Amino acid sequence: MQQINLIGRITKDAELKYTSSGKAVANFNLAVDDGYGDNKTTLWIRCALWGERAEKLAEYLTKGKPVYVTGRLAHDAGSPRTWTNQDGDCKASYEVTVNELVFTPTAKQTGAAEDFAAEVGGKVTQQDDEVPF
């Protein structure tokens, strides 16, 4: 069994499409930061949310929105996609099939985040700015 957990920000609005058999898929990209300062790197992950949840949540998956995603890495011939950038460095991108998606409010948001989560059926976790120890 494999599972991947990611916390990041959506980089552009989700695209809702339908397969030839009529199944909905919402595709979006997630920017996941690792490290801090001079050691900070960003991973860019393609995500696919399928079915009824894709139809219901696609309009809320908008640029800049922070989310927590649980899923699995895609198993197809195109994943990971590799290329060489202008500097000659080898790069790769990955796709995650989303099993669970949680909208995570920023510390600046108030009770409106809970109202929003109830509206779209997502979970909300509160993040504090200060660590209690």
C-alpha atoms as a PDB file:
ATOM      1  CA  MET A   1       0.000   0.000   0.000  1.00  0.00           C
ATOM      2  CA  GLN A   2       1.234   3.486  -0.741  1.00  0.00           C
ATOM      3  CA  GLN A   3      -0.011   6.826   0.532  1.00  0.00           C
ATOM      4  CA  ILE A   4       1.282  10.334   0.155  1.00  0.00           C
ATOM      5  CA  ASN A   5       0.274  13.319   2.307  1.00  0.00           C
ATOM      6  CA  LEU A   6       0.845  16.841   1.019  1.00  0.00           C
ATOM      7  CA  ILE A   7       0.142  20.323   2.340  1.00  0.00           C
ATOM      8  CA  GLY A   8       0.431  23.111  -0.185  1.00  0.00           C
ATOM      9  CA  ARG A   9      -1.251  25.834  -2.186  1.00  0.00           C
ATOM     10  CA  ILE A  10      -3.179  25.446  -5.406  1.00  0.00           C
ATOM     11  CA  THR A  11      -1.212  27.153  -8.201  1.00  0.00           C
ATOM     12  CA  LYS A  12      -4.108  27.780 -10.623  1.00  0.00           C
ATOM     13  CA  ASP A  13      -7.847  27.149 -10.699  1.00  0.00           C
ATOM     14  CA  ALA A  14      -8.864  23.511 -11.135  1.00  0.00           C
ATOM     15  CA  GLU A  15     -10.028  22.305 -14.545  1.00  0.00           C
ATOM     16  CA  LEU A  16     -13.109  20.083 -14.505  1.00  0.00           C
ATOM     17  CA  LYS A  17     -13.250  17.617 -17.389  1.00  0.00           C
ATOM     18  CA  TYR A  18     -15.139  14.435 -18.214  1.00  0.00           C
ATOM     19  CA  THR A  19     -13.840  11.161 -19.594  1.00  0.00           C
ATOM     20  CA  SER A  20     -15.488   9.605 -22.662  1.00  0.00           C
ATOM     21  CA  SER A  21     -17.501   7.416 -20.268  1.00  0.00           C
ATOM     22  CA  GLY A  22     -18.787  10.526 -18.442  1.00  0.00           C
ATOM     23  CA  LYS A  23     -16.691  10.300 -15.263  1.00  0.00           C
ATOM     24  CA  ALA A  24     -15.679  13.703 -13.846  1.00  0.00           C
ATOM     25  CA  VAL A  25     -12.074  14.613 -13.045  1.00  0.00           C
ATOM     26  CA  ALA A  26     -10.826  17.878 -11.540  1.00  0.00           C
ATOM     27  CA  ASN A  27      -7.146  18.516 -12.311  1.00  0.00           C
ATOM     28  CA  PHE A  28      -5.138  21.043 -10.327  1.00  0.00           C
ATOM     29  CA  ASN A  29      -1.517  21.731  -9.429  1.00  0.00           C
ATOM     30  CA  LEU A  30      -0.161  21.962  -5.908  1.00  0.00           C
ATOM     31  CA  ALA A  31       2.967  23.848  -4.787  1.00  0.00           C
ATOM     32  CA  VAL A  32       4.492  22.154  -1.734  1.00  0.00           C
ATOM     33  CA  ASP A  33       7.308  23.963   0.100  1.00  0.00           C
ATOM     34  CA  ASP A  34      10.104  22.103   1.848  1.00  0.00           C
ATOM     35  CA  GLY A  35      12.754  23.701   4.056  1.00  0.00           C
ATOM     36  CA  TYR A  36      13.134  27.402   4.743  1.00  0.00           C
ATOM     37  CA  GLY A  37      15.420  30.327   3.980  1.00  0.00           C
ATOM     38  CA  ASP A  38      18.211  29.534   1.506  1.00  0.00           C
ATOM     39  CA  ASN A  39      17.353  25.826   1.782  1.00  0.00           C
ATOM     40  CA  LYS A  40      13.713  26.255   0.717  1.00  0.00           C
ATOM     41  CA  THR A  41      12.601  24.265  -2.305  1.00  0.00           C
ATOM     42  CA  THR A  42       9.189  23.936  -3.909  1.00  0.00           C
ATOM     43  CA  LEU A  43       7.751  20.744  -5.353  1.00  0.00           C
ATOM     44  CA  TRP A  44       5.100  21.072  -8.055  1.00  0.00           C
ATOM     45  CA  ILE A  45       2.592  18.212  -7.928  1.00  0.00           C
ATOM     46  CA  ARG A  46      -0.203  17.518 -10.428  1.00  0.00           C
ATOM     47  CA  CYS A  47      -3.367  16.304  -8.667  1.00  0.00           C
ATOM     48  CA  ALA A  48      -6.467  14.544  -9.971  1.00  0.00           C
ATOM     49  CA  LEU A  49      -9.710  14.374  -7.986  1.00  0.00           C
ATOM     50  CA  TRP A  50     -12.304  12.005  -9.461  1.00  0.00           C
ATOM     51  CA  GLY A  51     -16.056  11.467  -9.468  1.00  0.00           C
ATOM     52  CA  GLU A  52     -18.806  13.311  -7.675  1.00  0.00           C
ATOM     53  CA  ARG A  53     -16.341  15.041  -5.327  1.00  0.00           C
ATOM     54  CA  ALA A  54     -14.595  16.508  -8.378  1.00  0.00           C
ATOM     55  CA  GLU A  55     -17.873  17.984  -9.613  1.00  0.00           C
ATOM     56  CA  LYS A  56     -18.771  19.411  -6.197  1.00  0.00           C
ATOM     57  CA  LEU A  57     -15.356  20.809  -5.253  1.00  0.00           C
ATOM     58  CA  ALA A  58     -13.888  22.001  -8.592  1.00  0.00           C
ATOM     59  CA  GLU A  59     -15.253  25.534  -8.254  1.00  0.00           C
ATOM     60  CA  TYR A  60     -13.638  25.863  -4.788  1.00  0.00           C
ATOM     61  CA  LEU A  61     -10.211  24.598  -5.899  1.00  0.00           C
ATOM     62  CA  THR A  62      -8.892  28.028  -6.796  1.00  0.00           C
ATOM     63  CA  LYS A  63      -5.463  29.601  -7.083  1.00  0.00           C
ATOM     64  CA  GLY A  64      -3.761  30.317  -3.763  1.00  0.00           C
ATOM     65  CA  LYS A  65      -6.081  28.186  -1.631  1.00  0.00           C
ATOM     66  CA  PRO A  66      -4.188  26.083   0.965  1.00  0.00           C
ATOM     67  CA  VAL A  67      -5.172  22.401   1.042  1.00  0.00           C
ATOM     68  CA  TYR A  68      -4.123  19.121   2.624  1.00  0.00           C
ATOM     69  CA  VAL A  69      -4.200  16.222   0.152  1.00  0.00           C
ATOM     70  CA  THR A  70      -3.949  12.500   0.814  1.00  0.00           C
ATOM     71  CA  GLY A  71      -3.614  10.191  -2.142  1.00  0.00           C
ATOM     72  CA  ARG A  72      -1.382   7.873  -4.117  1.00  0.00           C
ATOM     73  CA  LEU A  73       1.181   8.428  -6.833  1.00  0.00           C
ATOM     74  CA  ALA A  74      -0.181   7.709 -10.298  1.00  0.00           C
ATOM     75  CA  HIS A  75       0.984   4.511 -12.004  1.00  0.00           C
ATOM     76  CA  ASP A  76       1.155   5.280 -15.678  1.00  0.00           C
ATOM     77  CA  ALA A  77       3.826   5.496 -18.344  1.00  0.00           C
ATOM     78  CA  GLY A  78       3.830   9.299 -18.110  1.00  0.00           C
ATOM     79  CA  SER A  79       4.465   9.599 -14.381  1.00  0.00           C
ATOM     80  CA  PRO A  80       6.864  10.886 -13.349  1.00  0.00           C
ATOM     81  CA  ARG A  81       7.427  13.140 -16.292  1.00  0.00           C
ATOM     82  CA  THR A  82      11.084  14.062 -16.667  1.00  0.00           C
ATOM     83  CA  TRP A  83      12.806  16.849 -18.584  1.00  0.00           C
ATOM     84  CA  THR A  84      15.978  18.901 -18.621  1.00  0.00           C
ATOM     85  CA  ASN A  85      15.617  22.589 -17.764  1.00  0.00           C
ATOM     86  CA  GLN A  86      17.527  25.510 -19.321  1.00  0.00           C
ATOM     87  CA  ASP A  87      20.344  25.113 -16.770  1.00  0.00           C
ATOM     88  CA  GLY A  88      20.829  21.462 -17.767  1.00  0.00           C
ATOM     89  CA  ASP A  89      19.340  20.115 -14.542  1.00  0.00           C
ATOM     90  CA  CYS A  90      17.141  17.005 -14.724  1.00  0.00           C
ATOM     91  CA  LYS A  91      13.648  17.683 -13.348  1.00  0.00           C
ATOM     92  CA  ALA A  92      10.610  15.504 -12.695  1.00  0.00           C
ATOM     93  CA  SER A  93       6.929  16.104 -11.988  1.00  0.00           C
ATOM     94  CA  TYR A  94       4.538  13.732 -10.295  1.00  0.00           C
ATOM     95  CA  GLU A  95       0.800  13.161 -10.315  1.00  0.00           C
ATOM     96  CA  VAL A  96      -1.255  12.220  -7.277  1.00  0.00           C
ATOM     97  CA  THR A  97      -4.680  10.610  -7.430  1.00  0.00           C
ATOM     98  CA  VAL A  98      -6.497  12.325  -4.566  1.00  0.00           C
ATOM     99  CA  ASN A  99      -8.309  10.176  -1.977  1.00  0.00           C
ATOM    100  CA  GLU A 100      -8.981  12.933   0.561  1.00  0.00           C
ATOM    101  CA  LEU A 101      -8.839  16.705   0.337  1.00  0.00           C
ATOM    102  CA  VAL A 102      -9.068  19.073   3.307  1.00  0.00           C
ATOM    103  CA  PHE A 103      -9.364  22.847   2.976  1.00  0.00           C
ATOM    104  CA  THR A 104      -6.973  24.374   5.509  1.00  0.00           C
ATOM    105  CA  PRO A 105      -7.610  27.955   6.584  1.00  0.00           C
ATOM    106  CA  THR A 106      -4.787  30.385   7.061  1.00  0.00           C
ATOM    107  CA  ALA A 107      -4.212  31.880  10.508  1.00  0.00           C
ATOM    108  CA  LYS A 108      -5.823  35.139   9.310  1.00  0.00           C
ATOM    109  CA  GLN A 109      -9.180  33.461   8.643  1.00  0.00           C
ATOM    110  CA  THR A 110     -11.861  33.357  11.299  1.00  0.00           C
ATOM    111  CA  GLY A 111     -15.134  31.483  11.719  1.00  0.00           C
ATOM    112  CA  ALA A 112     -15.820  32.014   8.013  1.00  0.00           C
ATOM    113  CA  ALA A 113     -13.510  29.059   7.339  1.00  0.00           C
ATOM    114  CA  GLU A 114     -15.789  26.718   9.272  1.00  0.00           C
ATOM    115  CA  ASP A 115     -18.824  28.055   7.377  1.00  0.00           C
ATOM    116  CA  PHE A 116     -17.024  27.486   4.090  1.00  0.00           C
ATOM    117  CA  ALA A 117     -16.028  23.928   5.030  1.00  0.00           C
ATOM    118  CA  ALA A 118     -19.580  23.076   6.031  1.00  0.00           C
ATOM    119  CA  GLU A 119     -20.813  24.414   2.689  1.00  0.00           C
ATOM    120  CA  VAL A 120     -18.456  22.279   0.585  1.00  0.00           C
ATOM    121  CA  GLY A 121     -18.325  19.254   2.875  1.00  0.00           C
ATOM    122  CA  GLY A 122     -14.618  19.603   3.642  1.00  0.00           C
ATOM    123  CA  LYS A 123     -12.820  19.305   6.936  1.00  0.00           C
ATOM    124  CA  VAL A 124     -11.231  22.310   8.591  1.00  0.00           C
ATOM    125  CA  THR A 125      -8.252  22.290  10.872  1.00  0.00           C
ATOM    126  CA  GLN A 126      -7.269  25.406  12.755  1.00  0.00           C
ATOM    127  CA  GLN A 127      -3.621  26.393  12.610  1.00  0.00           C
ATOM    128  CA  ASP A 128      -2.151  28.536  15.361  1.00  0.00           C
ATOM    129  CA  ASP A 129       0.625  31.063  14.811  1.00  0.00           C
ATOM    130  CA  GLU A 130       2.243  30.295  18.149  1.00  0.00           C
ATOM    131  CA  VAL A 131       3.549  26.994  19.454  1.00  0.00           C
ATOM    132  CA  PRO A 132       2.359  26.434  23.062  1.00  0.00           C
ATOM    133  CA  PHE A 133       5.794  25.453  24.410  1.00  0.00           C
END
